[in-house]
N, C-alpha and C. Protein backbone atom coordinates (compact mmCIF):
# COMPACT_ATOMS: atom_id res chain seq x y z
N MET A 1 1.11 -4.47 1.34
CA MET A 1 2.30 -4.12 2.09
C MET A 1 3.47 -3.96 1.15
N SER A 2 4.47 -3.26 1.64
CA SER A 2 5.67 -3.04 0.86
C SER A 2 6.89 -3.34 1.72
N VAL A 3 8.04 -3.09 1.18
CA VAL A 3 9.29 -3.29 1.90
C VAL A 3 9.78 -1.92 2.35
N PRO A 4 10.27 -1.80 3.61
CA PRO A 4 10.78 -0.51 4.05
C PRO A 4 11.90 -0.02 3.15
N THR A 5 11.92 1.28 2.85
CA THR A 5 12.96 1.89 2.05
C THR A 5 13.81 2.76 2.96
N ALA A 6 15.11 2.51 2.98
CA ALA A 6 16.02 3.27 3.84
C ALA A 6 16.82 4.27 3.03
N THR A 7 17.00 5.48 3.58
CA THR A 7 17.79 6.52 2.94
C THR A 7 18.73 7.10 3.98
N PRO A 8 20.06 7.03 3.76
CA PRO A 8 20.99 7.57 4.76
C PRO A 8 20.87 9.08 4.88
N VAL A 9 20.90 9.57 6.11
CA VAL A 9 20.95 11.00 6.38
C VAL A 9 22.42 11.38 6.57
N ASP A 10 23.10 10.61 7.37
CA ASP A 10 24.54 10.75 7.58
C ASP A 10 25.04 9.38 8.02
N GLU A 11 26.28 9.28 8.47
CA GLU A 11 26.81 7.97 8.82
C GLU A 11 26.13 7.34 10.03
N ALA A 12 25.50 8.15 10.85
CA ALA A 12 24.88 7.63 12.06
C ALA A 12 23.37 7.47 11.97
N THR A 13 22.75 8.05 10.98
CA THR A 13 21.29 8.08 10.95
C THR A 13 20.76 7.73 9.56
N THR A 14 19.67 6.99 9.58
CA THR A 14 18.95 6.66 8.36
C THR A 14 17.49 6.99 8.58
N HIS A 15 16.82 7.50 7.56
CA HIS A 15 15.37 7.60 7.67
C HIS A 15 14.78 6.57 6.73
N TRP A 16 13.60 6.12 7.07
CA TRP A 16 12.94 5.06 6.32
C TRP A 16 11.48 5.43 6.11
N HIS A 17 10.87 4.82 5.10
CA HIS A 17 9.43 4.95 4.91
C HIS A 17 8.88 3.62 4.43
N TYR A 18 7.59 3.44 4.70
CA TYR A 18 6.95 2.16 4.43
C TYR A 18 5.47 2.42 4.14
N TYR A 19 5.00 1.99 2.96
CA TYR A 19 3.59 2.16 2.61
C TYR A 19 2.82 0.87 2.88
N ALA A 20 1.61 1.02 3.44
CA ALA A 20 0.73 -0.13 3.68
C ALA A 20 -0.70 0.22 3.28
N ASP A 21 -1.34 -0.70 2.54
CA ASP A 21 -2.75 -0.53 2.18
C ASP A 21 -3.62 -0.74 3.40
N GLY A 22 -4.77 -0.07 3.42
CA GLY A 22 -5.76 -0.24 4.49
C GLY A 22 -6.04 1.06 5.18
N ILE A 23 -7.24 1.17 5.77
CA ILE A 23 -7.60 2.43 6.42
C ILE A 23 -7.69 2.33 7.94
N ASP A 24 -7.80 1.14 8.49
CA ASP A 24 -7.84 0.97 9.94
C ASP A 24 -6.40 1.06 10.46
N LEU A 25 -6.03 2.22 10.96
CA LEU A 25 -4.65 2.52 11.30
C LEU A 25 -4.07 1.52 12.31
N ASP A 26 -4.80 1.19 13.34
CA ASP A 26 -4.28 0.25 14.34
C ASP A 26 -3.95 -1.10 13.71
N SER A 27 -4.86 -1.62 12.91
CA SER A 27 -4.65 -2.92 12.28
C SER A 27 -3.50 -2.88 11.28
N VAL A 28 -3.46 -1.83 10.47
CA VAL A 28 -2.40 -1.71 9.46
C VAL A 28 -1.04 -1.60 10.13
N PHE A 29 -0.94 -0.79 11.20
CA PHE A 29 0.32 -0.63 11.92
C PHE A 29 0.75 -1.95 12.55
N GLN A 30 -0.17 -2.63 13.20
CA GLN A 30 0.17 -3.90 13.84
C GLN A 30 0.68 -4.91 12.81
N GLU A 31 -0.02 -5.02 11.69
CA GLU A 31 0.40 -5.96 10.65
C GLU A 31 1.77 -5.57 10.08
N ALA A 32 1.98 -4.28 9.87
CA ALA A 32 3.26 -3.81 9.31
C ALA A 32 4.42 -4.09 10.26
N THR A 33 4.21 -3.85 11.55
CA THR A 33 5.30 -4.09 12.50
C THR A 33 5.57 -5.58 12.66
N GLU A 34 4.52 -6.39 12.67
CA GLU A 34 4.71 -7.84 12.78
C GLU A 34 5.38 -8.42 11.54
N ASP A 35 5.03 -7.92 10.37
CA ASP A 35 5.61 -8.43 9.12
C ASP A 35 7.06 -8.02 8.94
N ASN A 36 7.52 -7.01 9.67
CA ASN A 36 8.86 -6.48 9.44
C ASN A 36 9.75 -6.50 10.68
N THR A 37 9.47 -7.39 11.62
CA THR A 37 10.31 -7.45 12.81
C THR A 37 11.71 -7.93 12.47
N HIS A 38 11.88 -8.66 11.39
CA HIS A 38 13.19 -9.14 10.99
C HIS A 38 13.92 -8.19 10.05
N ASP A 39 13.30 -7.11 9.62
CA ASP A 39 13.90 -6.21 8.65
C ASP A 39 14.78 -5.16 9.35
N SER A 40 15.83 -5.61 9.99
CA SER A 40 16.69 -4.69 10.70
C SER A 40 18.03 -4.48 10.01
N PHE A 41 18.43 -5.39 9.14
CA PHE A 41 19.71 -5.25 8.47
C PHE A 41 19.43 -4.97 7.01
N MET A 42 19.89 -3.83 6.53
CA MET A 42 19.62 -3.44 5.14
C MET A 42 20.86 -2.83 4.53
N GLU A 43 20.99 -2.96 3.21
CA GLU A 43 22.01 -2.20 2.50
C GLU A 43 21.37 -0.87 2.15
N THR A 44 22.01 0.20 2.53
CA THR A 44 21.45 1.52 2.29
C THR A 44 21.82 2.00 0.89
N ASP A 45 21.25 3.14 0.50
CA ASP A 45 21.47 3.68 -0.84
C ASP A 45 22.94 3.97 -1.13
N ASP A 46 23.75 4.21 -0.09
CA ASP A 46 25.16 4.50 -0.33
C ASP A 46 25.99 3.23 -0.48
N GLY A 47 25.34 2.05 -0.45
CA GLY A 47 26.04 0.79 -0.66
C GLY A 47 26.66 0.21 0.58
N CYS A 48 26.51 0.87 1.72
CA CYS A 48 27.09 0.37 2.97
C CYS A 48 26.06 -0.44 3.73
N ASP A 49 26.49 -1.56 4.26
CA ASP A 49 25.61 -2.36 5.10
C ASP A 49 25.54 -1.73 6.48
N ARG A 50 24.35 -1.59 7.00
CA ARG A 50 24.15 -1.00 8.32
C ARG A 50 23.11 -1.83 9.06
N TRP A 51 23.22 -1.83 10.36
CA TRP A 51 22.24 -2.48 11.21
C TRP A 51 21.34 -1.39 11.75
N HIS A 52 20.07 -1.49 11.45
CA HIS A 52 19.12 -0.52 11.99
C HIS A 52 17.71 -1.11 11.88
N THR A 53 16.84 -0.56 12.65
CA THR A 53 15.47 -1.02 12.60
C THR A 53 14.65 -0.07 11.76
N THR A 54 13.59 -0.61 11.17
CA THR A 54 12.66 0.22 10.43
C THR A 54 11.34 0.16 11.19
N ILE A 55 10.25 -0.06 10.51
CA ILE A 55 8.95 -0.05 11.17
C ILE A 55 8.83 -1.18 12.20
N GLY A 56 9.52 -2.29 11.98
CA GLY A 56 9.45 -3.41 12.93
C GLY A 56 10.01 -3.08 14.30
N GLY A 57 10.82 -2.04 14.39
CA GLY A 57 11.39 -1.65 15.67
C GLY A 57 10.63 -0.54 16.36
N THR A 58 9.51 -0.12 15.81
CA THR A 58 8.73 0.94 16.44
C THR A 58 7.61 0.33 17.28
N HIS A 59 7.15 1.10 18.26
CA HIS A 59 6.13 0.62 19.18
C HIS A 59 4.86 1.46 19.15
N MET A 60 4.91 2.58 18.44
CA MET A 60 3.79 3.50 18.45
C MET A 60 3.88 4.38 17.20
N TYR A 61 2.76 4.92 16.79
CA TYR A 61 2.75 5.85 15.66
C TYR A 61 2.10 7.16 16.10
N HIS A 62 2.40 8.18 15.35
CA HIS A 62 1.75 9.48 15.53
C HIS A 62 1.33 9.98 14.15
N VAL A 63 0.05 10.28 13.98
CA VAL A 63 -0.44 10.83 12.73
C VAL A 63 -0.01 12.30 12.69
N LEU A 64 0.70 12.68 11.62
CA LEU A 64 1.26 14.02 11.54
C LEU A 64 0.66 14.85 10.42
N SER A 65 -0.50 14.44 9.90
CA SER A 65 -1.22 15.24 8.91
C SER A 65 -2.68 14.82 8.93
N ASP A 66 -3.57 15.79 8.72
CA ASP A 66 -4.99 15.46 8.61
C ASP A 66 -5.47 15.66 7.17
N THR A 67 -4.53 15.69 6.24
CA THR A 67 -4.84 15.88 4.82
C THR A 67 -4.48 14.62 4.05
N LEU A 68 -5.40 14.15 3.20
CA LEU A 68 -5.07 13.03 2.32
C LEU A 68 -4.01 13.48 1.32
N LEU A 69 -2.97 12.69 1.18
CA LEU A 69 -1.91 12.97 0.23
C LEU A 69 -1.80 11.80 -0.74
N THR A 70 -1.32 12.07 -1.95
CA THR A 70 -0.97 10.94 -2.80
C THR A 70 0.29 10.31 -2.21
N LEU A 71 0.57 9.09 -2.60
CA LEU A 71 1.78 8.44 -2.10
C LEU A 71 3.01 9.25 -2.49
N GLU A 72 3.04 9.76 -3.70
CA GLU A 72 4.19 10.56 -4.15
C GLU A 72 4.35 11.83 -3.31
N GLU A 73 3.24 12.49 -3.00
CA GLU A 73 3.31 13.70 -2.17
C GLU A 73 3.81 13.36 -0.76
N ALA A 74 3.35 12.25 -0.21
CA ALA A 74 3.75 11.87 1.14
C ALA A 74 5.23 11.52 1.20
N VAL A 75 5.73 10.80 0.20
CA VAL A 75 7.16 10.45 0.17
C VAL A 75 8.02 11.71 0.05
N GLU A 76 7.53 12.69 -0.67
CA GLU A 76 8.25 13.96 -0.79
C GLU A 76 8.18 14.77 0.51
N ARG A 77 7.07 14.68 1.22
CA ARG A 77 6.85 15.52 2.40
C ARG A 77 7.44 14.96 3.70
N TYR A 78 7.47 13.63 3.85
CA TYR A 78 7.82 13.09 5.17
C TYR A 78 9.20 13.50 5.67
N PRO A 79 10.24 13.68 4.82
CA PRO A 79 11.54 14.09 5.39
C PRO A 79 11.47 15.39 6.19
N SER A 80 10.56 16.30 5.81
CA SER A 80 10.44 17.56 6.56
C SER A 80 9.78 17.37 7.92
N LEU A 81 9.18 16.20 8.15
CA LEU A 81 8.53 15.93 9.44
C LEU A 81 9.38 15.08 10.37
N LEU A 82 10.55 14.65 9.92
CA LEU A 82 11.39 13.75 10.72
C LEU A 82 11.91 14.37 12.01
N ASN A 83 11.99 15.69 12.07
CA ASN A 83 12.48 16.33 13.29
C ASN A 83 11.38 16.57 14.31
N HIS A 84 10.19 16.03 14.08
CA HIS A 84 9.09 16.18 15.03
C HIS A 84 9.51 15.57 16.37
N GLU A 85 9.23 16.26 17.46
CA GLU A 85 9.67 15.82 18.79
C GLU A 85 9.19 14.43 19.17
N LYS A 86 8.06 14.01 18.69
CA LYS A 86 7.52 12.69 19.05
C LYS A 86 8.25 11.54 18.35
N LEU A 87 9.09 11.85 17.36
CA LEU A 87 9.82 10.81 16.64
C LEU A 87 11.29 10.74 17.06
N ALA A 88 11.70 11.58 17.99
CA ALA A 88 13.12 11.76 18.29
C ALA A 88 13.83 10.49 18.77
N ASP A 89 13.18 9.63 19.53
CA ASP A 89 13.90 8.49 20.09
C ASP A 89 13.92 7.27 19.18
N GLY A 90 13.24 7.31 18.04
CA GLY A 90 13.25 6.20 17.10
C GLY A 90 12.33 5.05 17.44
N SER A 91 11.69 5.08 18.62
CA SER A 91 10.77 3.98 18.98
C SER A 91 9.36 4.24 18.45
N ARG A 92 9.13 5.44 17.95
CA ARG A 92 7.83 5.80 17.40
C ARG A 92 8.02 6.26 15.96
N CYS A 93 6.98 6.10 15.17
CA CYS A 93 7.06 6.53 13.77
C CYS A 93 5.92 7.50 13.46
N GLY A 94 6.09 8.21 12.37
CA GLY A 94 5.05 9.09 11.88
C GLY A 94 4.15 8.32 10.92
N ALA A 95 2.93 8.83 10.74
CA ALA A 95 1.99 8.22 9.81
C ALA A 95 1.27 9.32 9.04
N LEU A 96 1.17 9.14 7.73
CA LEU A 96 0.46 10.08 6.87
C LEU A 96 -0.63 9.33 6.11
N PRO A 97 -1.86 9.87 6.08
CA PRO A 97 -2.94 9.20 5.34
C PRO A 97 -2.75 9.37 3.83
N ILE A 98 -2.91 8.27 3.10
CA ILE A 98 -2.73 8.26 1.66
C ILE A 98 -4.08 8.12 0.98
N GLY A 99 -4.31 8.97 -0.01
CA GLY A 99 -5.56 8.92 -0.77
C GLY A 99 -5.29 8.57 -2.22
N GLY A 100 -6.29 8.03 -2.85
CA GLY A 100 -6.18 7.69 -4.26
C GLY A 100 -7.54 7.73 -4.91
N SER A 101 -7.54 7.93 -6.21
CA SER A 101 -8.82 7.98 -6.91
C SER A 101 -9.12 6.68 -7.66
N ASP A 102 -8.17 5.75 -7.67
CA ASP A 102 -8.43 4.44 -8.28
C ASP A 102 -9.06 3.53 -7.25
N ARG A 103 -9.97 2.70 -7.70
CA ARG A 103 -10.53 1.69 -6.82
C ARG A 103 -10.80 0.43 -7.64
N ARG A 104 -10.74 -0.70 -6.97
CA ARG A 104 -10.98 -1.97 -7.63
C ARG A 104 -12.34 -2.49 -7.21
N VAL A 105 -13.05 -3.04 -8.18
CA VAL A 105 -14.37 -3.60 -7.89
C VAL A 105 -14.48 -4.97 -8.54
N GLU A 106 -15.28 -5.82 -7.93
CA GLU A 106 -15.73 -7.08 -8.52
C GLU A 106 -17.23 -7.07 -8.45
N VAL A 107 -17.87 -7.19 -9.59
CA VAL A 107 -19.31 -7.02 -9.67
C VAL A 107 -19.94 -8.24 -10.33
N PRO A 108 -20.95 -8.82 -9.68
CA PRO A 108 -21.64 -9.94 -10.36
C PRO A 108 -22.47 -9.41 -11.52
N LEU A 109 -22.50 -10.18 -12.58
CA LEU A 109 -23.33 -9.87 -13.73
C LEU A 109 -24.64 -10.60 -13.55
N ARG A 110 -25.70 -9.85 -13.34
CA ARG A 110 -27.00 -10.45 -13.06
C ARG A 110 -27.67 -10.95 -14.33
N ALA A 111 -28.31 -12.08 -14.20
CA ALA A 111 -29.04 -12.66 -15.34
C ALA A 111 -30.22 -11.76 -15.70
N ILE A 112 -30.44 -11.59 -17.01
CA ILE A 112 -31.61 -10.86 -17.51
C ILE A 112 -32.27 -11.72 -18.59
N THR A 113 -33.53 -11.47 -18.81
CA THR A 113 -34.25 -12.19 -19.85
C THR A 113 -33.62 -11.89 -21.21
N GLY A 114 -33.29 -12.90 -21.96
CA GLY A 114 -32.67 -12.73 -23.27
C GLY A 114 -31.16 -12.66 -23.24
N GLY A 115 -30.57 -12.50 -22.04
CA GLY A 115 -29.11 -12.47 -21.91
C GLY A 115 -28.48 -11.22 -22.48
N TYR A 116 -27.16 -11.24 -22.56
CA TYR A 116 -26.37 -10.12 -23.09
C TYR A 116 -25.79 -10.55 -24.43
N ARG A 117 -25.87 -9.67 -25.43
CA ARG A 117 -25.50 -10.05 -26.80
C ARG A 117 -24.01 -10.30 -26.99
N ASP A 118 -23.15 -9.56 -26.21
CA ASP A 118 -21.70 -9.77 -26.34
C ASP A 118 -21.02 -9.36 -25.03
N GLU A 119 -19.70 -9.57 -24.97
CA GLU A 119 -18.95 -9.28 -23.75
C GLU A 119 -18.96 -7.80 -23.40
N ASN A 120 -18.84 -6.91 -24.38
CA ASN A 120 -18.87 -5.47 -24.11
C ASN A 120 -20.19 -5.05 -23.48
N HIS A 121 -21.29 -5.56 -23.99
CA HIS A 121 -22.61 -5.27 -23.44
C HIS A 121 -22.70 -5.77 -22.00
N ALA A 122 -22.17 -6.96 -21.74
CA ALA A 122 -22.20 -7.55 -20.39
C ALA A 122 -21.35 -6.73 -19.42
N ILE A 123 -20.16 -6.34 -19.85
CA ILE A 123 -19.26 -5.55 -18.99
C ILE A 123 -19.90 -4.20 -18.66
N THR A 124 -20.45 -3.55 -19.66
CA THR A 124 -21.12 -2.26 -19.44
C THR A 124 -22.28 -2.41 -18.48
N ALA A 125 -23.09 -3.46 -18.64
CA ALA A 125 -24.25 -3.69 -17.77
C ALA A 125 -23.81 -3.95 -16.33
N ALA A 126 -22.69 -4.64 -16.14
CA ALA A 126 -22.20 -4.94 -14.79
C ALA A 126 -21.62 -3.70 -14.11
N LEU A 127 -20.84 -2.91 -14.84
CA LEU A 127 -20.08 -1.82 -14.21
C LEU A 127 -20.82 -0.48 -14.13
N ASN A 128 -21.71 -0.19 -15.05
CA ASN A 128 -22.40 1.11 -15.02
C ASN A 128 -23.07 1.41 -13.68
N PRO A 129 -23.74 0.44 -13.03
CA PRO A 129 -24.38 0.77 -11.75
C PRO A 129 -23.41 1.13 -10.62
N VAL A 130 -22.14 0.75 -10.72
CA VAL A 130 -21.20 1.03 -9.63
C VAL A 130 -20.29 2.22 -9.92
N LEU A 131 -20.33 2.76 -11.15
CA LEU A 131 -19.51 3.93 -11.47
C LEU A 131 -20.01 5.16 -10.72
N ARG A 132 -19.09 5.88 -10.09
CA ARG A 132 -19.41 7.12 -9.39
C ARG A 132 -19.19 8.30 -10.35
N PRO A 133 -19.76 9.47 -10.05
CA PRO A 133 -19.56 10.63 -10.93
C PRO A 133 -18.07 10.89 -11.18
N GLY A 134 -17.71 11.06 -12.43
CA GLY A 134 -16.33 11.34 -12.82
C GLY A 134 -15.47 10.11 -13.03
N GLU A 135 -15.95 8.94 -12.66
CA GLU A 135 -15.14 7.72 -12.81
C GLU A 135 -15.26 7.15 -14.21
N SER A 136 -14.21 6.44 -14.58
CA SER A 136 -14.21 5.70 -15.84
C SER A 136 -13.53 4.36 -15.60
N ILE A 137 -13.71 3.45 -16.53
CA ILE A 137 -13.10 2.13 -16.43
C ILE A 137 -11.68 2.23 -16.96
N ARG A 138 -10.71 2.02 -16.08
CA ARG A 138 -9.32 2.08 -16.50
C ARG A 138 -8.86 0.74 -17.06
N GLU A 139 -9.28 -0.36 -16.39
CA GLU A 139 -8.81 -1.67 -16.80
C GLU A 139 -9.79 -2.75 -16.35
N ILE A 140 -10.05 -3.69 -17.21
CA ILE A 140 -10.83 -4.87 -16.83
C ILE A 140 -9.83 -5.89 -16.31
N THR A 141 -9.98 -6.30 -15.06
CA THR A 141 -9.03 -7.22 -14.45
C THR A 141 -9.52 -8.66 -14.46
N GLU A 142 -10.83 -8.83 -14.63
CA GLU A 142 -11.40 -10.17 -14.65
C GLU A 142 -12.73 -10.12 -15.38
N ALA A 143 -13.00 -11.15 -16.16
CA ALA A 143 -14.29 -11.25 -16.84
C ALA A 143 -14.60 -12.74 -17.02
N THR A 144 -15.54 -13.22 -16.23
CA THR A 144 -15.98 -14.60 -16.30
C THR A 144 -17.44 -14.59 -16.73
N PHE A 145 -17.73 -15.29 -17.81
CA PHE A 145 -19.10 -15.27 -18.34
C PHE A 145 -19.65 -16.70 -18.45
N TYR A 146 -20.95 -16.82 -18.17
CA TYR A 146 -21.66 -18.08 -18.34
C TYR A 146 -22.65 -17.89 -19.47
N ARG A 147 -22.60 -18.79 -20.45
CA ARG A 147 -23.38 -18.64 -21.68
C ARG A 147 -24.50 -19.68 -21.76
N HIS A 148 -25.56 -19.30 -22.43
CA HIS A 148 -26.68 -20.19 -22.73
C HIS A 148 -26.16 -21.29 -23.65
N ALA A 149 -26.53 -22.54 -23.39
CA ALA A 149 -26.01 -23.67 -24.14
C ALA A 149 -26.35 -23.61 -25.62
N ASP A 150 -27.52 -23.12 -25.97
CA ASP A 150 -27.94 -23.12 -27.38
C ASP A 150 -27.65 -21.78 -28.08
N THR A 151 -28.03 -20.68 -27.48
CA THR A 151 -27.91 -19.37 -28.15
C THR A 151 -26.54 -18.74 -27.98
N ARG A 152 -25.76 -19.19 -27.00
CA ARG A 152 -24.42 -18.68 -26.67
C ARG A 152 -24.45 -17.24 -26.18
N THR A 153 -25.64 -16.70 -25.88
CA THR A 153 -25.69 -15.37 -25.27
C THR A 153 -25.17 -15.49 -23.84
N ILE A 154 -24.65 -14.41 -23.34
CA ILE A 154 -24.13 -14.39 -21.97
C ILE A 154 -25.31 -14.26 -21.02
N VAL A 155 -25.36 -15.18 -20.07
CA VAL A 155 -26.47 -15.21 -19.12
C VAL A 155 -26.09 -14.51 -17.81
N SER A 156 -24.91 -14.79 -17.29
CA SER A 156 -24.45 -14.16 -16.05
C SER A 156 -22.93 -14.25 -16.00
N GLY A 157 -22.35 -13.80 -14.90
CA GLY A 157 -20.91 -13.86 -14.76
C GLY A 157 -20.39 -12.96 -13.66
N LEU A 158 -19.12 -12.63 -13.77
CA LEU A 158 -18.45 -11.77 -12.80
C LEU A 158 -17.48 -10.87 -13.57
N VAL A 159 -17.48 -9.58 -13.23
CA VAL A 159 -16.59 -8.62 -13.88
C VAL A 159 -15.78 -7.91 -12.80
N GLY A 160 -14.47 -7.92 -12.96
CA GLY A 160 -13.57 -7.18 -12.08
C GLY A 160 -12.93 -6.05 -12.87
N ALA A 161 -12.76 -4.89 -12.23
CA ALA A 161 -12.20 -3.75 -12.95
C ALA A 161 -11.51 -2.79 -11.99
N THR A 162 -10.60 -2.00 -12.55
CA THR A 162 -10.03 -0.85 -11.86
C THR A 162 -10.72 0.37 -12.42
N LEU A 163 -11.31 1.16 -11.53
CA LEU A 163 -12.01 2.38 -11.92
C LEU A 163 -11.15 3.57 -11.49
N SER A 164 -11.11 4.61 -12.30
CA SER A 164 -10.29 5.77 -11.95
C SER A 164 -11.03 7.06 -12.24
N GLY A 165 -10.51 8.16 -11.68
CA GLY A 165 -11.06 9.47 -11.97
C GLY A 165 -12.07 9.98 -10.97
N GLY A 166 -12.38 9.19 -9.96
CA GLY A 166 -13.35 9.64 -8.96
C GLY A 166 -12.71 10.51 -7.90
N GLN A 167 -13.49 10.86 -6.90
CA GLN A 167 -12.99 11.63 -5.78
C GLN A 167 -11.96 10.80 -5.01
N PRO A 168 -10.85 11.41 -4.60
CA PRO A 168 -9.88 10.66 -3.81
C PRO A 168 -10.50 10.16 -2.50
N THR A 169 -10.17 8.95 -2.16
CA THR A 169 -10.61 8.36 -0.90
C THR A 169 -9.40 7.78 -0.18
N HIS A 170 -9.52 7.58 1.10
CA HIS A 170 -8.44 7.04 1.91
C HIS A 170 -8.18 5.59 1.52
N ILE A 171 -6.91 5.27 1.19
CA ILE A 171 -6.58 3.91 0.76
C ILE A 171 -5.45 3.28 1.56
N GLY A 172 -4.68 4.07 2.31
CA GLY A 172 -3.56 3.48 3.04
C GLY A 172 -2.83 4.49 3.90
N TRP A 173 -1.64 4.05 4.39
CA TRP A 173 -0.83 4.87 5.29
C TRP A 173 0.63 4.81 4.88
N LEU A 174 1.32 5.94 4.96
CA LEU A 174 2.77 5.96 4.82
C LEU A 174 3.34 6.15 6.22
N PHE A 175 4.08 5.14 6.67
CA PHE A 175 4.78 5.22 7.95
C PHE A 175 6.22 5.64 7.67
N PHE A 176 6.83 6.39 8.60
CA PHE A 176 8.19 6.85 8.40
C PHE A 176 8.84 7.13 9.74
N GLY A 177 10.17 7.13 9.74
CA GLY A 177 10.87 7.41 10.98
C GLY A 177 12.37 7.46 10.80
N LEU A 178 13.05 7.58 11.93
CA LEU A 178 14.51 7.63 11.98
C LEU A 178 15.03 6.37 12.62
N ALA A 179 16.20 5.94 12.19
CA ALA A 179 16.86 4.79 12.79
C ALA A 179 18.33 5.13 12.95
N GLN A 180 18.89 4.69 14.04
CA GLN A 180 20.32 4.88 14.26
C GLN A 180 21.06 3.72 13.59
N ASN A 181 22.09 4.05 12.84
CA ASN A 181 22.89 3.05 12.15
C ASN A 181 24.07 2.64 13.01
N THR A 182 24.39 1.38 12.97
CA THR A 182 25.63 0.89 13.53
C THR A 182 26.18 -0.13 12.55
N PRO A 183 27.49 -0.22 12.42
CA PRO A 183 28.02 -1.23 11.52
C PRO A 183 27.61 -2.62 11.99
N PRO A 184 27.48 -3.57 11.07
CA PRO A 184 27.09 -4.92 11.48
C PRO A 184 28.15 -5.52 12.39
N GLN A 185 27.70 -6.25 13.39
CA GLN A 185 28.61 -6.89 14.32
C GLN A 185 29.10 -8.20 13.72
N ASP A 186 30.42 -8.44 13.84
CA ASP A 186 30.95 -9.72 13.40
C ASP A 186 30.47 -10.78 14.39
N THR A 187 30.04 -11.90 13.87
CA THR A 187 29.63 -12.98 14.76
C THR A 187 30.85 -13.77 15.15
N PRO A 188 30.96 -14.13 16.42
CA PRO A 188 32.14 -14.87 16.87
C PRO A 188 32.26 -16.18 16.11
N SER A 189 33.46 -16.51 15.74
CA SER A 189 33.71 -17.75 15.03
C SER A 189 33.77 -18.90 16.03
N SER A 190 33.27 -20.04 15.62
CA SER A 190 33.32 -21.20 16.51
C SER A 190 34.61 -21.96 16.30
N ALA A 191 35.47 -21.51 15.37
CA ALA A 191 36.73 -22.19 15.12
C ALA A 191 37.63 -22.06 16.35
N GLY A 192 38.29 -23.13 16.70
CA GLY A 192 39.22 -23.13 17.82
C GLY A 192 38.56 -23.35 19.15
N GLU A 193 37.24 -23.54 19.16
CA GLU A 193 36.59 -23.78 20.44
C GLU A 193 36.58 -25.22 20.77
């Protein structure tokens, strides 16, 4: 999950966007709205404090693209979709599917007779079976090895990695919408009561 980003359109209107990981749209939307019900007061890019709701104030979403976009493409594209009739009242938001070619894996290193001679051999043995065509290892995020007490060869373990370069797959959603701005209300002072 991320924090909603607000961008003023004019003094009365702000548009916002919010990225969330996950592919089950109903679950991702529900979690995003529940996590952000308190995110109604924000300082906007122009430095003015405004009261407005973001994703926490929406009650429904509408998917407005059937094409996987990168997050950067979606952030660039969503402002052109803000005038969609289904988003006009601010109680509903738009949703765009986000794709990416990076994926994270955690793979057990299976024990073999004679063990693995070094960590590179062990990492290669663990990750090669899960690499898809065109993918490469971008980063090793975890490497836990268990060694033979006498020979110190690697017997088993766990390897975590970020793989990149494969076919883009669905990884999340960009939600976006319009919010009406109002200046923050002064809270009544209890002095003199």
